[in-house]
Amino acid sequence: MSIQIGIAGLGWAASGHIPAFNANPDAEIVAVCSSKSGADAKCMAGATVAVYTDYDEFLKHPGMQVVDICTPHHMHAPMAIQAANAGKHLMIEKPLATAYEDLLAMRDAIAKAGVLSTVYFELRFIPHYQLVKSLLAQGLLGKVHFLEVDYYHGIGPWYMQHAWNVKKEVGVSALVTAGCHALDGLLYFKDCEVDEVFGYSTKSAAEWAQDYEYDSTSVAVIKFADGTTGKITSCVDCRQPYVFNVRLVGSEGTLMQDKLATTLLKGVNKEEWIDIPTTEATSGDVLDHPYPPQVNEFVECVKTGKDSIINFAEAFKTHRVIFAIDKAINEGRPVKLSELGV
């Protein structure tokens, strides 16, 4: 029997999720909750789906097991809490919340309800991430002491979500609204507790970028508990092709995107990079993101009662660092992770 899915919000993110659900033989979209008209919603999600405009009624849809939350950012926390309280398993678009207190409330509600969850840090499923983890596991970089992951993606009026994304109460910061993908990658690669963070933010002088009610470029430095240093840039006001920069520097080598330098391979010209064929993150368009493997993983989780490898608890770690960085930027001082309540 198929896992029955309900989608809350039929915007840009949902347009990437729907094909992934449709491609999985064990998943069925049975209901949507949207401000779109019934005809438009059915055109997007499927002719047989039930269409709701009231979230309370949507959650009562017979047989619905999973709620996929694709609404604007500030709606994620309250909708996830309500769905968890209704006993629904959760698929949640990033960011999880726009305030740390809401993140804590989500954690408590999900734990109390005992529902399964996955959070769309879908880049963890791309081959490039698997390559990085493999190189680290094999020790080809030696002991890594510096990690850099940067997100450059100009999100302007030409994007569907721009009108609400520029609002402070919804977008919050460059890191919350988009750069969280880069931070999640950095933390995933390092897999170590964060001790302290610091950062600065700024904004483009471009006329279109003035719509942003917050600084649309930020840079942060991260100190890990073992003394390793990390750096992340989040830039949503650039005019350039999409760039997701990954660089890891170790005692025996460096990985720069898909290029490797290492002292641990014999017969290699140490003056040249080794090109490694892989698939990197090269687009900010949701239609190009690896939603199918994450959807497939979570559908299997629901069938077997096993939680996702990117469940709420895992994504909570990344979001906790996000809010610490924004606190450091706003207060103009280094912030210890221990300052945030848990």
C-alpha atoms as a PDB file:
ATOM      1  CA  MET A   1       0.000   0.000   0.000  1.00  0.00           C
ATOM      2  CA  SER A   2       1.317   3.450  -0.929  1.00  0.00           C
ATOM      3  CA  ILE A   3       2.438   5.993   1.631  1.00  0.00           C
ATOM      4  CA  GLN A   4      -0.110   8.793   1.427  1.00  0.00           C
ATOM      5  CA  ILE A   5       1.381  12.277   1.186  1.00  0.00           C
ATOM      6  CA  GLY A   6      -0.161  15.690   1.810  1.00  0.00           C
ATOM      7  CA  ILE A   7       1.634  18.807   0.601  1.00  0.00           C
ATOM      8  CA  ALA A   8       1.268  22.148   2.389  1.00  0.00           C
ATOM      9  CA  GLY A   9       2.162  24.965   0.015  1.00  0.00           C
ATOM     10  CA  LEU A  10       2.369  24.757  -3.772  1.00  0.00           C
ATOM     11  CA  GLY A  11       5.177  27.171  -4.542  1.00  0.00           C
ATOM     12  CA  TRP A  12       8.693  26.820  -5.926  1.00  0.00           C
ATOM     13  CA  ALA A  13       9.830  24.080  -3.518  1.00  0.00           C
ATOM     14  CA  ALA A  14       6.760  21.930  -4.116  1.00  0.00           C
ATOM     15  CA  SER A  15       7.425  22.033  -7.853  1.00  0.00           C
ATOM     16  CA  GLY A  16      10.621  20.118  -7.123  1.00  0.00           C
ATOM     17  CA  HIS A  17       9.055  17.693  -4.639  1.00  0.00           C
ATOM     18  CA  ILE A  18       6.038  16.646  -6.716  1.00  0.00           C
ATOM     19  CA  PRO A  19       7.989  14.922  -9.534  1.00  0.00           C
ATOM     20  CA  ALA A  20       9.993  13.024  -6.904  1.00  0.00           C
ATOM     21  CA  PHE A  21       6.814  11.762  -5.230  1.00  0.00           C
ATOM     22  CA  ASN A  22       5.285  10.837  -8.568  1.00  0.00           C
ATOM     23  CA  ALA A  23       8.381   8.846  -9.525  1.00  0.00           C
ATOM     24  CA  ASN A  24       8.180   6.703  -6.383  1.00  0.00           C
ATOM     25  CA  PRO A  25       5.751   3.766  -6.795  1.00  0.00           C
ATOM     26  CA  ASP A  26       5.226   3.613  -3.038  1.00  0.00           C
ATOM     27  CA  ALA A  27       4.204   7.273  -2.637  1.00  0.00           C
ATOM     28  CA  GLU A  28       0.869   8.883  -3.487  1.00  0.00           C
ATOM     29  CA  ILE A  29      -0.036  12.562  -3.195  1.00  0.00           C
ATOM     30  CA  VAL A  30      -3.566  12.515  -1.807  1.00  0.00           C
ATOM     31  CA  ALA A  31      -4.110  16.090  -0.599  1.00  0.00           C
ATOM     32  CA  VAL A  32      -2.728  19.596  -0.849  1.00  0.00           C
ATOM     33  CA  CYS A  33      -3.279  22.741   1.187  1.00  0.00           C
ATOM     34  CA  SER A  34      -2.763  25.885  -0.831  1.00  0.00           C
ATOM     35  CA  SER A  35      -3.996  29.377  -1.561  1.00  0.00           C
ATOM     36  CA  LYS A  36      -4.098  28.413  -5.251  1.00  0.00           C
ATOM     37  CA  SER A  37      -7.484  27.750  -6.800  1.00  0.00           C
ATOM     38  CA  GLY A  38      -8.663  24.154  -6.937  1.00  0.00           C
ATOM     39  CA  ALA A  39      -8.054  23.904 -10.677  1.00  0.00           C
ATOM     40  CA  ASP A  40      -4.527  25.351 -10.436  1.00  0.00           C
ATOM     41  CA  ALA A  41      -3.667  23.103  -7.501  1.00  0.00           C
ATOM     42  CA  LYS A  42      -4.892  19.987  -9.296  1.00  0.00           C
ATOM     43  CA  CYS A  43      -3.012  20.991 -12.427  1.00  0.00           C
ATOM     44  CA  MET A  44       0.190  21.129 -10.386  1.00  0.00           C
ATOM     45  CA  ALA A  45      -0.274  18.229  -7.953  1.00  0.00           C
ATOM     46  CA  GLY A  46      -2.591  15.858  -9.826  1.00  0.00           C
ATOM     47  CA  ALA A  47      -6.196  15.631 -10.930  1.00  0.00           C
ATOM     48  CA  THR A  48      -7.243  13.240  -8.164  1.00  0.00           C
ATOM     49  CA  VAL A  49      -5.828  15.115  -5.159  1.00  0.00           C
ATOM     50  CA  ALA A  50      -8.096  16.731  -2.574  1.00  0.00           C
ATOM     51  CA  VAL A  51      -7.555  20.485  -2.360  1.00  0.00           C
ATOM     52  CA  TYR A  52      -7.851  22.384   0.928  1.00  0.00           C
ATOM     53  CA  THR A  53      -7.396  26.007   1.877  1.00  0.00           C
ATOM     54  CA  ASP A  54      -7.883  25.339   5.603  1.00  0.00           C
ATOM     55  CA  TYR A  55      -4.876  23.653   7.248  1.00  0.00           C
ATOM     56  CA  ASP A  56      -6.944  22.195  10.093  1.00  0.00           C
ATOM     57  CA  GLU A  57      -9.220  20.436   7.624  1.00  0.00           C
ATOM     58  CA  PHE A  58      -6.249  19.361   5.509  1.00  0.00           C
ATOM     59  CA  LEU A  59      -4.701  17.561   8.501  1.00  0.00           C
ATOM     60  CA  LYS A  60      -7.930  15.571   8.907  1.00  0.00           C
ATOM     61  CA  HIS A  61      -7.741  14.125   5.385  1.00  0.00           C
ATOM     62  CA  PRO A  62      -8.508  10.387   5.674  1.00  0.00           C
ATOM     63  CA  GLY A  63      -5.477   8.137   5.469  1.00  0.00           C
ATOM     64  CA  MET A  64      -2.867  10.878   5.054  1.00  0.00           C
ATOM     65  CA  GLN A  65       0.339   9.740   6.771  1.00  0.00           C
ATOM     66  CA  VAL A  66       2.931  12.342   5.804  1.00  0.00           C
ATOM     67  CA  VAL A  67       2.837  16.138   5.590  1.00  0.00           C
ATOM     68  CA  ASP A  68       5.349  17.799   3.263  1.00  0.00           C
ATOM     69  CA  ILE A  69       5.791  21.439   4.356  1.00  0.00           C
ATOM     70  CA  CYS A  70       6.712  23.770   1.488  1.00  0.00           C
ATOM     71  CA  THR A  71       5.261  27.064   2.728  1.00  0.00           C
ATOM     72  CA  PRO A  72       7.158  30.345   3.301  1.00  0.00           C
ATOM     73  CA  HIS A  73       9.791  30.078   6.016  1.00  0.00           C
ATOM     74  CA  HIS A  74       7.935  31.687   8.910  1.00  0.00           C
ATOM     75  CA  MET A  75       5.126  29.135   8.556  1.00  0.00           C
ATOM     76  CA  HIS A  76       7.318  26.036   8.852  1.00  0.00           C
ATOM     77  CA  ALA A  77       7.501  25.857  12.643  1.00  0.00           C
ATOM     78  CA  PRO A  78       3.813  26.328  13.536  1.00  0.00           C
ATOM     79  CA  MET A  79       2.651  24.053  10.715  1.00  0.00           C
ATOM     80  CA  ALA A  80       5.152  21.340  11.627  1.00  0.00           C
ATOM     81  CA  ILE A  81       4.145  21.479  15.292  1.00  0.00           C
ATOM     82  CA  GLN A  82       0.458  21.225  14.399  1.00  0.00           C
ATOM     83  CA  ALA A  83       1.098  18.307  12.026  1.00  0.00           C
ATOM     84  CA  ALA A  84       3.211  16.490  14.606  1.00  0.00           C
ATOM     85  CA  ASN A  85       0.455  16.954  17.185  1.00  0.00           C
ATOM     86  CA  ALA A  86      -1.908  15.374  14.649  1.00  0.00           C
ATOM     87  CA  GLY A  87       0.390  12.349  14.398  1.00  0.00           C
ATOM     88  CA  LYS A  88       1.699  13.049  10.886  1.00  0.00           C
ATOM     89  CA  HIS A  89       5.214  12.203   9.788  1.00  0.00           C
ATOM     90  CA  LEU A  90       7.066  15.283   8.564  1.00  0.00           C
ATOM     91  CA  MET A  91       9.018  16.371   5.517  1.00  0.00           C
ATOM     92  CA  ILE A  92      10.127  19.957   6.069  1.00  0.00           C
ATOM     93  CA  GLU A  93      11.764  22.400   3.679  1.00  0.00           C
ATOM     94  CA  LYS A  94      14.654  24.426   5.014  1.00  0.00           C
ATOM     95  CA  PRO A  95      14.918  26.532   7.054  1.00  0.00           C
ATOM     96  CA  LEU A  96      13.140  24.787   9.893  1.00  0.00           C
ATOM     97  CA  ALA A  97      12.277  28.001  11.706  1.00  0.00           C
ATOM     98  CA  THR A  98      12.891  31.743  11.678  1.00  0.00           C
ATOM     99  CA  ALA A  99      13.591  32.019  15.424  1.00  0.00           C
ATOM    100  CA  TYR A 100      15.511  29.800  17.815  1.00  0.00           C
ATOM    101  CA  GLU A 101      12.626  29.577  20.294  1.00  0.00           C
ATOM    102  CA  ASP A 102      10.430  28.173  17.515  1.00  0.00           C
ATOM    103  CA  LEU A 103      13.125  25.623  16.682  1.00  0.00           C
ATOM    104  CA  LEU A 104      13.098  24.415  20.286  1.00  0.00           C
ATOM    105  CA  ALA A 105       9.302  24.197  20.254  1.00  0.00           C
ATOM    106  CA  MET A 106       9.433  22.091  17.082  1.00  0.00           C
ATOM    107  CA  ARG A 107      11.983  19.754  18.644  1.00  0.00           C
ATOM    108  CA  ASP A 108       9.825  19.214  21.707  1.00  0.00           C
ATOM    109  CA  ALA A 109       6.631  18.654  19.710  1.00  0.00           C
ATOM    110  CA  ILE A 110       8.237  16.146  17.323  1.00  0.00           C
ATOM    111  CA  ALA A 111       9.854  14.242  20.188  1.00  0.00           C
ATOM    112  CA  LYS A 112       6.607  14.133  22.137  1.00  0.00           C
ATOM    113  CA  ALA A 113       4.575  12.960  19.143  1.00  0.00           C
ATOM    114  CA  GLY A 114       7.135  10.314  18.201  1.00  0.00           C
ATOM    115  CA  VAL A 115       6.691  10.979  14.473  1.00  0.00           C
ATOM    116  CA  LEU A 116       9.351  10.410  11.824  1.00  0.00           C
ATOM    117  CA  SER A 117      10.924  13.377  10.058  1.00  0.00           C
ATOM    118  CA  THR A 118      13.217  14.453   7.270  1.00  0.00           C
ATOM    119  CA  VAL A 119      14.523  17.951   6.489  1.00  0.00           C
ATOM    120  CA  TYR A 120      15.381  18.989   2.961  1.00  0.00           C
ATOM    121  CA  PHE A 121      19.141  19.340   3.110  1.00  0.00           C
ATOM    122  CA  GLU A 122      18.973  17.317  -0.086  1.00  0.00           C
ATOM    123  CA  LEU A 123      22.500  18.191  -1.209  1.00  0.00           C
ATOM    124  CA  ARG A 124      23.687  15.496   1.177  1.00  0.00           C
ATOM    125  CA  PHE A 125      22.551  13.069  -1.490  1.00  0.00           C
ATOM    126  CA  ILE A 126      24.712  14.415  -4.334  1.00  0.00           C
ATOM    127  CA  PRO A 127      27.789  12.417  -5.433  1.00  0.00           C
ATOM    128  CA  HIS A 128      30.124  15.309  -4.543  1.00  0.00           C
ATOM    129  CA  TYR A 129      29.197  15.018  -0.870  1.00  0.00           C
ATOM    130  CA  GLN A 130      29.786  11.265  -1.039  1.00  0.00           C
ATOM    131  CA  LEU A 131      33.188  11.959  -2.604  1.00  0.00           C
ATOM    132  CA  VAL A 132      34.160  14.334   0.213  1.00  0.00           C
ATOM    133  CA  LYS A 133      33.147  11.843   2.896  1.00  0.00           C
ATOM    134  CA  SER A 134      35.010   9.049   1.085  1.00  0.00           C
ATOM    135  CA  LEU A 135      38.234  11.070   0.814  1.00  0.00           C
ATOM    136  CA  LEU A 136      38.023  11.915   4.506  1.00  0.00           C
ATOM    137  CA  ALA A 137      37.348   8.293   5.471  1.00  0.00           C
ATOM    138  CA  GLN A 138      40.364   7.140   3.446  1.00  0.00           C
ATOM    139  CA  GLY A 139      42.588   9.829   4.952  1.00  0.00           C
ATOM    140  CA  LEU A 140      43.760  11.214   1.616  1.00  0.00           C
ATOM    141  CA  LEU A 141      43.730  14.771   2.994  1.00  0.00           C
ATOM    142  CA  GLY A 142      45.450  13.858   6.260  1.00  0.00           C
ATOM    143  CA  LYS A 143      44.194  15.792   9.268  1.00  0.00           C
ATOM    144  CA  VAL A 144      41.862  18.527   8.017  1.00  0.00           C
ATOM    145  CA  HIS A 145      42.365  21.858   9.775  1.00  0.00           C
ATOM    146  CA  PHE A 146      40.365  24.237   7.548  1.00  0.00           C
ATOM    147  CA  LEU A 147      37.031  23.851   5.759  1.00  0.00           C
ATOM    148  CA  GLU A 148      35.363  26.389   3.497  1.00  0.00           C
ATOM    149  CA  VAL A 149      31.892  26.057   1.970  1.00  0.00           C
ATOM    150  CA  ASP A 150      30.288  29.044   0.237  1.00  0.00           C
ATOM    151  CA  TYR A 151      26.898  29.697  -1.321  1.00  0.00           C
ATOM    152  CA  TYR A 152      26.619  32.260  -4.151  1.00  0.00           C
ATOM    153  CA  HIS A 153      23.182  32.511  -5.722  1.00  0.00           C
ATOM    154  CA  GLY A 154      21.593  35.775  -6.825  1.00  0.00           C
ATOM    155  CA  ILE A 155      17.976  35.560  -5.691  1.00  0.00           C
ATOM    156  CA  GLY A 156      16.234  38.587  -7.168  1.00  0.00           C
ATOM    157  CA  PRO A 157      12.864  39.567  -8.640  1.00  0.00           C
ATOM    158  CA  TRP A 158      13.301  36.878 -11.279  1.00  0.00           C
ATOM    159  CA  TYR A 159      12.655  34.165  -8.645  1.00  0.00           C
ATOM    160  CA  MET A 160       9.167  33.058  -7.614  1.00  0.00           C
ATOM    161  CA  GLN A 161       9.868  33.372  -3.885  1.00  0.00           C
ATOM    162  CA  HIS A 162      11.473  36.815  -4.055  1.00  0.00           C
ATOM    163  CA  ALA A 163       8.438  38.863  -2.942  1.00  0.00           C
ATOM    164  CA  TRP A 164       8.244  37.219   0.483  1.00  0.00           C
ATOM    165  CA  ASN A 165      11.861  36.111   0.761  1.00  0.00           C
ATOM    166  CA  VAL A 166      13.063  39.719   1.085  1.00  0.00           C
ATOM    167  CA  LYS A 167      10.960  40.308   4.221  1.00  0.00           C
ATOM    168  CA  LYS A 168      12.899  40.262   7.489  1.00  0.00           C
ATOM    169  CA  GLU A 169      10.242  38.211   9.286  1.00  0.00           C
ATOM    170  CA  VAL A 170      10.348  35.545   6.577  1.00  0.00           C
ATOM    171  CA  GLY A 171      13.839  35.516   5.045  1.00  0.00           C
ATOM    172  CA  VAL A 172      15.554  36.590   8.311  1.00  0.00           C
ATOM    173  CA  SER A 173      19.130  36.579   6.972  1.00  0.00           C
ATOM    174  CA  ALA A 174      21.211  35.442   4.004  1.00  0.00           C
ATOM    175  CA  LEU A 175      22.253  32.409   6.028  1.00  0.00           C
ATOM    176  CA  VAL A 176      18.759  31.406   7.129  1.00  0.00           C
ATOM    177  CA  THR A 177      17.074  31.864   3.763  1.00  0.00           C
ATOM    178  CA  ALA A 178      19.608  30.083   1.563  1.00  0.00           C
ATOM    179  CA  GLY A 179      23.179  29.771   2.848  1.00  0.00           C
ATOM    180  CA  CYS A 180      22.057  27.167   5.365  1.00  0.00           C
ATOM    181  CA  HIS A 181      22.772  24.588   2.649  1.00  0.00           C
ATOM    182  CA  ALA A 182      26.451  25.568   2.701  1.00  0.00           C
ATOM    183  CA  LEU A 183      26.638  25.548   6.487  1.00  0.00           C
ATOM    184  CA  ASP A 184      24.980  22.136   6.594  1.00  0.00           C
ATOM    185  CA  GLY A 185      27.574  20.830   4.140  1.00  0.00           C
ATOM    186  CA  LEU A 186      30.455  22.202   6.195  1.00  0.00           C
ATOM    187  CA  LEU A 187      29.112  20.678   9.421  1.00  0.00           C
ATOM    188  CA  TYR A 188      28.375  17.374   7.677  1.00  0.00           C
ATOM    189  CA  PHE A 189      31.939  17.145   6.383  1.00  0.00           C
ATOM    190  CA  LYS A 190      33.538  18.033   9.714  1.00  0.00           C
ATOM    191  CA  ASP A 191      31.197  16.095  12.041  1.00  0.00           C
ATOM    192  CA  CYS A 192      32.440  17.795  15.204  1.00  0.00           C
ATOM    193  CA  GLU A 193      30.880  20.007  17.860  1.00  0.00           C
ATOM    194  CA  VAL A 194      31.067  23.757  17.199  1.00  0.00           C
ATOM    195  CA  ASP A 195      32.621  25.809  19.995  1.00  0.00           C
ATOM    196  CA  GLU A 196      32.351  29.440  18.838  1.00  0.00           C
ATOM    197  CA  VAL A 197      31.258  31.523  15.848  1.00  0.00           C
ATOM    198  CA  PHE A 198      31.677  35.076  14.591  1.00  0.00           C
ATOM    199  CA  GLY A 199      30.585  36.915  11.463  1.00  0.00           C
ATOM    200  CA  TYR A 200      29.912  40.058   9.475  1.00  0.00           C
ATOM    201  CA  SER A 201      27.230  40.978   6.969  1.00  0.00           C
ATOM    202  CA  THR A 202      26.763  43.504   4.192  1.00  0.00           C
ATOM    203  CA  LYS A 203      24.548  44.268   1.213  1.00  0.00           C
ATOM    204  CA  SER A 204      24.822  44.924  -2.521  1.00  0.00           C
ATOM    205  CA  ALA A 205      24.298  48.467  -3.809  1.00  0.00           C
ATOM    206  CA  ALA A 206      22.263  47.128  -6.743  1.00  0.00           C
ATOM    207  CA  GLU A 207      18.830  48.732  -6.990  1.00  0.00           C
ATOM    208  CA  TRP A 208      16.959  45.416  -7.008  1.00  0.00           C
ATOM    209  CA  ALA A 209      18.817  44.247  -3.873  1.00  0.00           C
ATOM    210  CA  GLN A 210      17.395  47.129  -1.835  1.00  0.00           C
ATOM    211  CA  ASP A 211      14.164  45.149  -1.547  1.00  0.00           C
ATOM    212  CA  TYR A 212      15.931  42.995   1.030  1.00  0.00           C
ATOM    213  CA  GLU A 213      15.063  44.059   4.564  1.00  0.00           C
ATOM    214  CA  TYR A 214      18.209  42.357   5.857  1.00  0.00           C
ATOM    215  CA  ASP A 215      21.851  42.138   4.796  1.00  0.00           C
ATOM    216  CA  SER A 216      21.913  39.796   1.828  1.00  0.00           C
ATOM    217  CA  THR A 217      25.574  38.765   2.106  1.00  0.00           C
ATOM    218  CA  SER A 218      27.257  37.383   5.191  1.00  0.00           C
ATOM    219  CA  VAL A 219      30.499  35.653   6.083  1.00  0.00           C
ATOM    220  CA  ALA A 220      31.129  33.646   9.237  1.00  0.00           C
ATOM    221  CA  VAL A 221      34.090  31.972  10.893  1.00  0.00           C
ATOM    222  CA  ILE A 222      33.528  28.809  12.903  1.00  0.00           C
ATOM    223  CA  LYS A 223      35.789  27.357  15.587  1.00  0.00           C
ATOM    224  CA  PHE A 224      35.246  23.666  16.239  1.00  0.00           C
ATOM    225  CA  ALA A 225      35.823  21.973  19.570  1.00  0.00           C
ATOM    226  CA  ASP A 226      39.000  20.299  18.270  1.00  0.00           C
ATOM    227  CA  GLY A 227      40.526  23.610  17.133  1.00  0.00           C
ATOM    228  CA  THR A 228      39.665  23.222  13.446  1.00  0.00           C
ATOM    229  CA  THR A 229      38.477  26.381  11.681  1.00  0.00           C
ATOM    230  CA  GLY A 230      35.670  26.746   9.145  1.00  0.00           C
ATOM    231  CA  LYS A 231      34.419  29.604   6.980  1.00  0.00           C
ATOM    232  CA  ILE A 232      31.113  30.098   5.215  1.00  0.00           C
ATOM    233  CA  THR A 233      29.896  32.805   2.875  1.00  0.00           C
ATOM    234  CA  SER A 234      26.205  33.198   2.117  1.00  0.00           C
ATOM    235  CA  CYS A 235      25.521  35.583  -0.759  1.00  0.00           C
ATOM    236  CA  VAL A 236      22.064  35.961  -2.313  1.00  0.00           C
ATOM    237  CA  ASP A 237      22.604  39.399  -3.901  1.00  0.00           C
ATOM    238  CA  CYS A 238      25.356  38.480  -6.389  1.00  0.00           C
ATOM    239  CA  ARG A 239      25.154  38.772 -10.179  1.00  0.00           C
ATOM    240  CA  GLN A 240      26.993  35.676 -11.358  1.00  0.00           C
ATOM    241  CA  PRO A 241      26.373  32.023 -12.154  1.00  0.00           C
ATOM    242  CA  TYR A 242      25.477  29.837  -9.172  1.00  0.00           C
ATOM    243  CA  VAL A 243      28.537  28.709  -7.214  1.00  0.00           C
ATOM    244  CA  PHE A 244      28.655  26.214  -4.351  1.00  0.00           C
ATOM    245  CA  ASN A 245      32.268  26.363  -3.268  1.00  0.00           C
ATOM    246  CA  VAL A 246      33.824  23.486  -1.308  1.00  0.00           C
ATOM    247  CA  ARG A 247      37.428  23.495  -0.096  1.00  0.00           C
ATOM    248  CA  LEU A 248      39.012  21.291   2.554  1.00  0.00           C
ATOM    249  CA  VAL A 249      42.651  21.745   3.558  1.00  0.00           C
ATOM    250  CA  GLY A 250      44.534  19.020   5.414  1.00  0.00           C
ATOM    251  CA  SER A 251      48.016  18.004   6.475  1.00  0.00           C
ATOM    252  CA  GLU A 252      48.404  15.707   3.451  1.00  0.00           C
ATOM    253  CA  GLY A 253      46.271  17.344   0.810  1.00  0.00           C
ATOM    254  CA  THR A 254      43.495  19.657  -0.342  1.00  0.00           C
ATOM    255  CA  LEU A 255      40.169  19.147  -2.047  1.00  0.00           C
ATOM    256  CA  MET A 256      38.966  22.109  -4.122  1.00  0.00           C
ATOM    257  CA  GLN A 257      35.584  21.359  -5.719  1.00  0.00           C
ATOM    258  CA  ASP A 258      36.341  18.339  -7.923  1.00  0.00           C
ATOM    259  CA  LYS A 259      40.131  18.746  -7.778  1.00  0.00           C
ATOM    260  CA  LEU A 260      42.389  16.852  -5.402  1.00  0.00           C
ATOM    261  CA  ALA A 261      45.983  17.358  -4.332  1.00  0.00           C
ATOM    262  CA  THR A 262      47.475  14.740  -2.008  1.00  0.00           C
ATOM    263  CA  THR A 263      50.900  13.497  -0.954  1.00  0.00           C
ATOM    264  CA  LEU A 264      49.527  10.025  -0.318  1.00  0.00           C
ATOM    265  CA  LEU A 265      49.196   8.796  -3.909  1.00  0.00           C
ATOM    266  CA  LYS A 266      52.399   7.591  -5.553  1.00  0.00           C
ATOM    267  CA  GLY A 267      53.253   8.511  -9.122  1.00  0.00           C
ATOM    268  CA  VAL A 268      51.165  11.675  -9.145  1.00  0.00           C
ATOM    269  CA  ASN A 269      52.579  14.989 -10.382  1.00  0.00           C
ATOM    270  CA  LYS A 270      52.432  17.065  -7.200  1.00  0.00           C
ATOM    271  CA  GLU A 271      52.391  20.300  -9.246  1.00  0.00           C
ATOM    272  CA  GLU A 272      49.031  19.520 -10.845  1.00  0.00           C
ATOM    273  CA  TRP A 273      45.531  18.947  -9.524  1.00  0.00           C
ATOM    274  CA  ILE A 274      43.919  15.543  -9.915  1.00  0.00           C
ATOM    275  CA  ASP A 275      40.538  15.972 -11.617  1.00  0.00           C
ATOM    276  CA  ILE A 276      37.868  13.697 -10.135  1.00  0.00           C
ATOM    277  CA  PRO A 277      34.703  13.083 -12.163  1.00  0.00           C
ATOM    278  CA  THR A 278      31.723  13.654  -9.871  1.00  0.00           C
ATOM    279  CA  THR A 279      28.430  15.536  -9.773  1.00  0.00           C
ATOM    280  CA  GLU A 280      28.489  18.827  -7.871  1.00  0.00           C
ATOM    281  CA  ALA A 281      25.833  21.338  -6.869  1.00  0.00           C
ATOM    282  CA  THR A 282      25.727  23.615  -9.903  1.00  0.00           C
ATOM    283  CA  SER A 283      22.252  25.157  -9.776  1.00  0.00           C
ATOM    284  CA  GLY A 284      19.976  26.867  -7.301  1.00  0.00           C
ATOM    285  CA  ASP A 285      16.854  25.787  -9.179  1.00  0.00           C
ATOM    286  CA  VAL A 286      14.851  23.280  -7.135  1.00  0.00           C
ATOM    287  CA  LEU A 287      14.146  21.279 -10.296  1.00  0.00           C
ATOM    288  CA  ASP A 288      17.876  20.500 -10.431  1.00  0.00           C
ATOM    289  CA  HIS A 289      18.141  19.413  -6.797  1.00  0.00           C
ATOM    290  CA  PRO A 290      18.365  15.737  -5.769  1.00  0.00           C
ATOM    291  CA  TYR A 291      14.915  15.408  -4.210  1.00  0.00           C
ATOM    292  CA  PRO A 292      14.220  11.878  -5.564  1.00  0.00           C
ATOM    293  CA  PRO A 293      16.809  10.076  -3.414  1.00  0.00           C
ATOM    294  CA  GLN A 294      15.667  11.917  -0.284  1.00  0.00           C
ATOM    295  CA  VAL A 295      11.997  11.232  -1.021  1.00  0.00           C
ATOM    296  CA  ASN A 296      12.819   7.577  -1.704  1.00  0.00           C
ATOM    297  CA  GLU A 297      14.767   7.314   1.531  1.00  0.00           C
ATOM    298  CA  PHE A 298      11.959   8.789   3.605  1.00  0.00           C
ATOM    299  CA  VAL A 299       9.205   6.749   1.987  1.00  0.00           C
ATOM    300  CA  GLU A 300      11.202   3.659   2.931  1.00  0.00           C
ATOM    301  CA  CYS A 301      11.622   5.063   6.446  1.00  0.00           C
ATOM    302  CA  VAL A 302       7.868   5.415   6.857  1.00  0.00           C
ATOM    303  CA  LYS A 303       7.314   1.887   5.552  1.00  0.00           C
ATOM    304  CA  THR A 304       9.826   0.413   8.010  1.00  0.00           C
ATOM    305  CA  GLY A 305       9.365   2.789  10.961  1.00  0.00           C
ATOM    306  CA  LYS A 306      13.002   3.938  10.825  1.00  0.00           C
ATOM    307  CA  ASP A 307      13.903   7.628  11.015  1.00  0.00           C
ATOM    308  CA  SER A 308      15.683   9.478   8.201  1.00  0.00           C
ATOM    309  CA  ILE A 309      19.435  10.029   8.085  1.00  0.00           C
ATOM    310  CA  ILE A 310      18.548  13.737   7.826  1.00  0.00           C
ATOM    311  CA  ASN A 311      15.891  13.792  10.516  1.00  0.00           C
ATOM    312  CA  PHE A 312      14.894  16.779  12.627  1.00  0.00           C
ATOM    313  CA  ALA A 313      17.501  16.057  15.286  1.00  0.00           C
ATOM    314  CA  GLU A 314      20.264  16.077  12.649  1.00  0.00           C
ATOM    315  CA  ALA A 315      19.027  19.283  11.019  1.00  0.00           C
ATOM    316  CA  PHE A 316      18.593  20.868  14.465  1.00  0.00           C
ATOM    317  CA  LYS A 317      22.391  20.837  14.879  1.00  0.00           C
ATOM    318  CA  THR A 318      22.844  22.912  11.724  1.00  0.00           C
ATOM    319  CA  HIS A 319      20.088  25.360  12.624  1.00  0.00           C
ATOM    320  CA  ARG A 320      21.489  25.860  16.124  1.00  0.00           C
ATOM    321  CA  VAL A 321      24.759  27.038  14.560  1.00  0.00           C
ATOM    322  CA  ILE A 322      22.815  29.231  12.106  1.00  0.00           C
ATOM    323  CA  PHE A 323      21.123  31.106  14.930  1.00  0.00           C
ATOM    324  CA  ALA A 324      24.416  31.419  16.817  1.00  0.00           C
ATOM    325  CA  ILE A 325      26.043  32.994  13.745  1.00  0.00           C
ATOM    326  CA  ASP A 326      23.182  35.449  13.262  1.00  0.00           C
ATOM    327  CA  LYS A 327      23.402  36.333  16.950  1.00  0.00           C
ATOM    328  CA  ALA A 328      27.140  36.990  16.565  1.00  0.00           C
ATOM    329  CA  ILE A 329      26.542  39.208  13.522  1.00  0.00           C
ATOM    330  CA  ASN A 330      23.715  41.138  15.163  1.00  0.00           C
ATOM    331  CA  GLU A 331      25.609  41.675  18.414  1.00  0.00           C
ATOM    332  CA  GLY A 332      29.025  42.252  16.863  1.00  0.00           C
ATOM    333  CA  ARG A 333      30.860  39.722  19.022  1.00  0.00           C
ATOM    334  CA  PRO A 334      31.934  36.068  19.078  1.00  0.00           C
ATOM    335  CA  VAL A 335      29.201  33.751  20.362  1.00  0.00           C
ATOM    336  CA  LYS A 336      29.744  30.442  22.107  1.00  0.00           C
ATOM    337  CA  LEU A 337      27.283  27.712  21.155  1.00  0.00           C
ATOM    338  CA  SER A 338      26.836  27.117  24.864  1.00  0.00           C
ATOM    339  CA  GLU A 339      25.128  30.534  25.107  1.00  0.00           C
ATOM    340  CA  LEU A 340      22.107  29.181  23.276  1.00  0.00           C
ATOM    341  CA  GLY A 341      19.580  27.407  25.421  1.00  0.00           C
ATOM    342  CA  VAL A 342      18.912  23.772  24.695  1.00  0.00           C
END
